[in-house]
N, C-alpha and C. Protein backbone atom coordinates (compact mmCIF):
# COMPACT_ATOMS: atom_id res chain seq x y z
N MET A 1 11.97 1.30 -3.81
CA MET A 1 11.12 0.07 -3.18
C MET A 1 11.28 -1.06 -3.91
N GLU A 2 10.46 -1.85 -2.52
CA GLU A 2 11.23 -3.12 -1.89
C GLU A 2 9.85 -4.22 -2.18
N ILE A 3 9.57 -5.05 -2.98
CA ILE A 3 8.55 -6.46 -2.27
C ILE A 3 9.02 -6.96 -1.41
N ARG A 4 7.51 -6.77 0.10
CA ARG A 4 8.27 -7.34 0.81
C ARG A 4 7.58 -8.69 0.42
N PRO A 5 6.56 -9.50 2.05
CA PRO A 5 5.88 -10.46 1.83
C PRO A 5 4.52 -10.37 0.67
N VAL A 6 4.50 -11.42 0.24
CA VAL A 6 3.22 -11.50 -1.27
C VAL A 6 1.96 -12.67 -0.21
N THR A 7 0.99 -12.44 0.47
CA THR A 7 -0.13 -13.15 0.96
C THR A 7 -1.25 -13.45 0.29
N PRO A 8 -1.23 -14.66 -0.37
CA PRO A 8 -3.02 -14.70 -0.78
C PRO A 8 -3.72 -14.67 0.24
N ALA A 9 -4.74 -14.36 -0.19
CA ALA A 9 -6.31 -13.89 0.26
C ALA A 9 -6.66 -15.14 1.66
N SER A 10 -6.27 -16.56 1.49
CA SER A 10 -6.45 -17.52 2.37
C SER A 10 -5.53 -16.99 3.97
N GLY A 11 -4.24 -16.20 3.40
CA GLY A 11 -3.44 -15.84 4.51
C GLY A 11 -3.45 -14.64 5.85
N PRO A 12 -3.90 -13.57 5.32
CA PRO A 12 -4.35 -12.86 6.73
C PRO A 12 -5.35 -13.25 7.14
N PRO A 13 -5.20 -13.06 8.56
CA PRO A 13 -6.80 -12.77 9.57
C PRO A 13 -7.52 -12.50 8.86
N ALA A 14 -9.21 -13.34 8.98
CA ALA A 14 -10.24 -12.52 8.81
C ALA A 14 -10.15 -11.49 8.80
N ALA A 15 -10.41 -10.65 9.61
CA ALA A 15 -10.97 -9.34 10.06
C ALA A 15 -9.79 -8.17 8.39
N ALA A 16 -8.34 -8.88 8.47
CA ALA A 16 -7.95 -7.97 7.36
C ALA A 16 -8.41 -8.00 5.93
N VAL A 17 -9.23 -9.62 5.61
CA VAL A 17 -9.66 -9.73 4.30
C VAL A 17 -11.31 -9.48 4.19
N GLU A 18 -11.58 -9.25 5.89
CA GLU A 18 -12.68 -8.16 5.57
C GLU A 18 -12.61 -6.80 4.97
N ARG A 19 -11.70 -6.52 6.26
CA ARG A 19 -11.37 -5.27 5.73
C ARG A 19 -11.22 -4.67 4.39
N LEU A 20 -10.35 -5.27 3.66
CA LEU A 20 -9.76 -5.07 1.93
C LEU A 20 -10.62 -5.39 1.31
N ARG A 21 -11.73 -6.49 1.82
CA ARG A 21 -12.19 -7.06 0.59
C ARG A 21 -11.86 -7.82 -0.01
N LEU A 22 -10.59 -8.89 0.16
CA LEU A 22 -10.08 -9.76 -0.90
C LEU A 22 -10.83 -10.96 -1.09
N THR A 23 -10.53 -11.10 -2.57
CA THR A 23 -11.35 -12.53 -3.18
C THR A 23 -10.49 -13.44 -3.51
N GLY A 24 -10.64 -14.34 -3.09
CA GLY A 24 -9.96 -15.90 -3.26
C GLY A 24 -8.67 -15.65 -4.60
N ASP A 25 -9.10 -15.15 -5.68
CA ASP A 25 -8.46 -14.92 -6.47
C ASP A 25 -7.03 -13.86 -6.38
N GLN A 26 -7.30 -12.62 -5.53
CA GLN A 26 -6.19 -11.71 -5.18
C GLN A 26 -5.56 -12.45 -3.83
N VAL A 27 -3.96 -11.47 -3.99
CA VAL A 27 -3.04 -11.73 -3.26
C VAL A 27 -2.91 -10.07 -2.31
N ASN A 28 -2.13 -10.18 -1.28
CA ASN A 28 -1.87 -8.80 -0.99
C ASN A 28 -0.34 -8.48 -1.06
N VAL A 29 0.27 -7.44 -1.32
CA VAL A 29 1.77 -7.31 -1.37
C VAL A 29 1.91 -6.24 -0.79
N LEU A 30 3.04 -6.53 0.32
CA LEU A 30 3.50 -5.79 1.09
C LEU A 30 4.50 -4.90 0.26
N LEU A 31 4.59 -3.56 0.30
CA LEU A 31 5.65 -2.85 -0.42
C LEU A 31 6.07 -1.76 0.69
N ARG A 32 7.92 -1.88 0.66
CA ARG A 32 8.29 -0.83 1.43
C ARG A 32 9.14 0.08 0.31
N LEU A 33 8.40 1.27 0.56
CA LEU A 33 9.23 2.50 -0.35
C LEU A 33 9.59 3.50 0.64
N VAL A 34 10.64 3.64 0.22
CA VAL A 34 11.68 4.48 0.93
C VAL A 34 11.73 6.12 -0.16
N LEU A 35 11.14 6.72 0.70
CA LEU A 35 11.69 8.37 -0.24
C LEU A 35 12.48 9.36 0.94
N GLN A 36 13.50 9.74 0.01
CA GLN A 36 14.77 9.78 0.42
C GLN A 36 15.55 11.37 -0.83
N PRO A 37 14.80 12.35 -0.67
CA PRO A 37 15.38 13.59 -1.71
C PRO A 37 17.03 13.86 -0.89
N LEU A 38 17.94 13.83 -1.57
CA LEU A 38 19.23 14.15 -1.43
C LEU A 38 19.37 15.82 -0.89
N ASP A 39 18.13 16.85 -1.17
CA ASP A 39 18.94 17.80 -1.52
C ASP A 39 18.26 18.48 0.24
N ARG A 40 17.34 17.94 0.63
CA ARG A 40 16.12 18.23 2.33
C ARG A 40 15.28 17.17 2.51
N THR A 41 14.23 18.12 3.73
CA THR A 41 13.53 16.40 4.32
C THR A 41 12.40 17.28 3.46
N LEU A 42 11.57 15.62 3.48
CA LEU A 42 10.52 15.89 3.01
C LEU A 42 9.54 16.07 4.19
N THR A 43 8.39 17.47 3.73
CA THR A 43 7.51 17.41 4.95
C THR A 43 6.51 16.16 4.68
N ASP A 44 5.78 16.03 6.30
CA ASP A 44 4.73 14.40 6.36
C ASP A 44 3.66 14.99 5.11
N GLU A 45 3.44 16.08 5.09
CA GLU A 45 2.43 16.26 3.84
C GLU A 45 2.80 15.90 2.03
N GLU A 46 4.00 16.02 1.95
CA GLU A 46 5.08 15.67 0.64
C GLU A 46 5.15 14.20 0.78
N ALA A 47 5.82 13.67 1.81
CA ALA A 47 5.36 12.36 1.24
C ALA A 47 4.78 11.50 1.59
N ASN A 48 2.97 11.76 2.16
CA ASN A 48 1.97 11.22 2.06
C ASN A 48 1.48 11.04 0.57
N VAL A 49 1.68 12.58 -0.22
CA VAL A 49 1.06 12.83 -1.22
C VAL A 49 1.50 11.28 -2.58
N LEU A 50 2.89 11.90 -2.08
CA LEU A 50 3.87 10.49 -3.16
C LEU A 50 3.54 8.99 -2.81
N ARG A 51 3.38 8.78 -1.48
CA ARG A 51 2.89 7.33 -0.83
C ARG A 51 1.53 7.15 -1.76
N ASP A 52 0.48 8.20 -1.45
CA ASP A 52 -0.90 7.85 -2.22
C ASP A 52 -0.29 7.62 -3.63
N ARG A 53 0.35 8.83 -4.56
CA ARG A 53 0.44 8.56 -5.90
C ARG A 53 0.81 6.98 -6.78
N VAL A 54 1.85 6.42 -5.78
CA VAL A 54 2.68 5.08 -6.11
C VAL A 54 1.10 4.45 -5.79
N TYR A 55 0.63 4.21 -4.64
CA TYR A 55 -0.44 3.51 -3.82
C TYR A 55 -1.60 3.44 -5.19
N LEU A 56 -1.84 4.55 -5.80
CA LEU A 56 -3.21 4.45 -6.76
C LEU A 56 -2.40 3.65 -8.14
N ALA A 57 -1.05 4.46 -8.36
CA ALA A 57 -1.05 3.50 -9.56
C ALA A 57 -1.17 1.93 -9.16
N LEU A 58 -0.29 1.38 -8.49
CA LEU A 58 -0.14 0.30 -8.31
C LEU A 58 -1.34 -0.66 -7.64
N HIS A 59 -2.20 0.10 -7.03
CA HIS A 59 -3.29 -0.58 -6.24
C HIS A 59 -4.45 -1.26 -7.46
N ARG A 60 -5.21 -2.54 -7.27
CA ARG A 60 -6.01 -2.98 -7.84
C ARG A 60 -7.37 -4.04 -7.01
N GLY A 61 -7.27 -3.83 -5.87
CA GLY A 61 -8.51 -4.00 -4.89
C GLY A 61 -9.54 -3.23 -4.62
N ARG A 62 -10.77 -3.51 -4.00
CA ARG A 62 -11.86 -2.95 -4.24
C ARG A 62 -11.74 -1.30 -3.59
N VAL A 63 -10.87 -1.81 -2.25
CA VAL A 63 -10.72 -0.83 -1.21
C VAL A 63 -9.70 0.07 -1.33
N LEU A 64 -10.10 1.48 -1.21
CA LEU A 64 -8.63 2.39 -1.46
C LEU A 64 -8.82 2.96 0.08
N GLU A 65 -7.05 2.70 0.89
CA GLU A 65 -6.47 3.19 1.48
C GLU A 65 -5.69 4.71 1.50
N LEU A 66 -5.95 5.60 1.27
CA LEU A 66 -5.48 6.80 1.23
C LEU A 66 -4.96 7.17 2.46
N ILE A 67 -3.39 8.27 2.69
CA ILE A 67 -3.07 8.85 3.64
C ILE A 67 -3.64 10.13 3.44
N ALA A 68 -3.37 10.83 2.53
CA ALA A 68 -3.60 12.28 2.39
C ALA A 68 -4.65 12.52 1.64
N GLY A 69 -5.42 12.00 1.12
CA GLY A 69 -6.94 12.24 0.65
C GLY A 69 -6.91 12.26 -0.25
């Protein structure tokens, strides 16, 4: 996992701030997550479930954006 840009709530476009319902004391953090098993290829479903697990563990905002459901 790699931390990419960290943007204060005043940084993203207004549409993104509204969609995420960011408040002035929050920041938006972009993370790059690489899922790469050595012995096989992950299915899209497996990768999405893992991504959502990491997202739920780290997310602190009011809006959840899950992929796998």
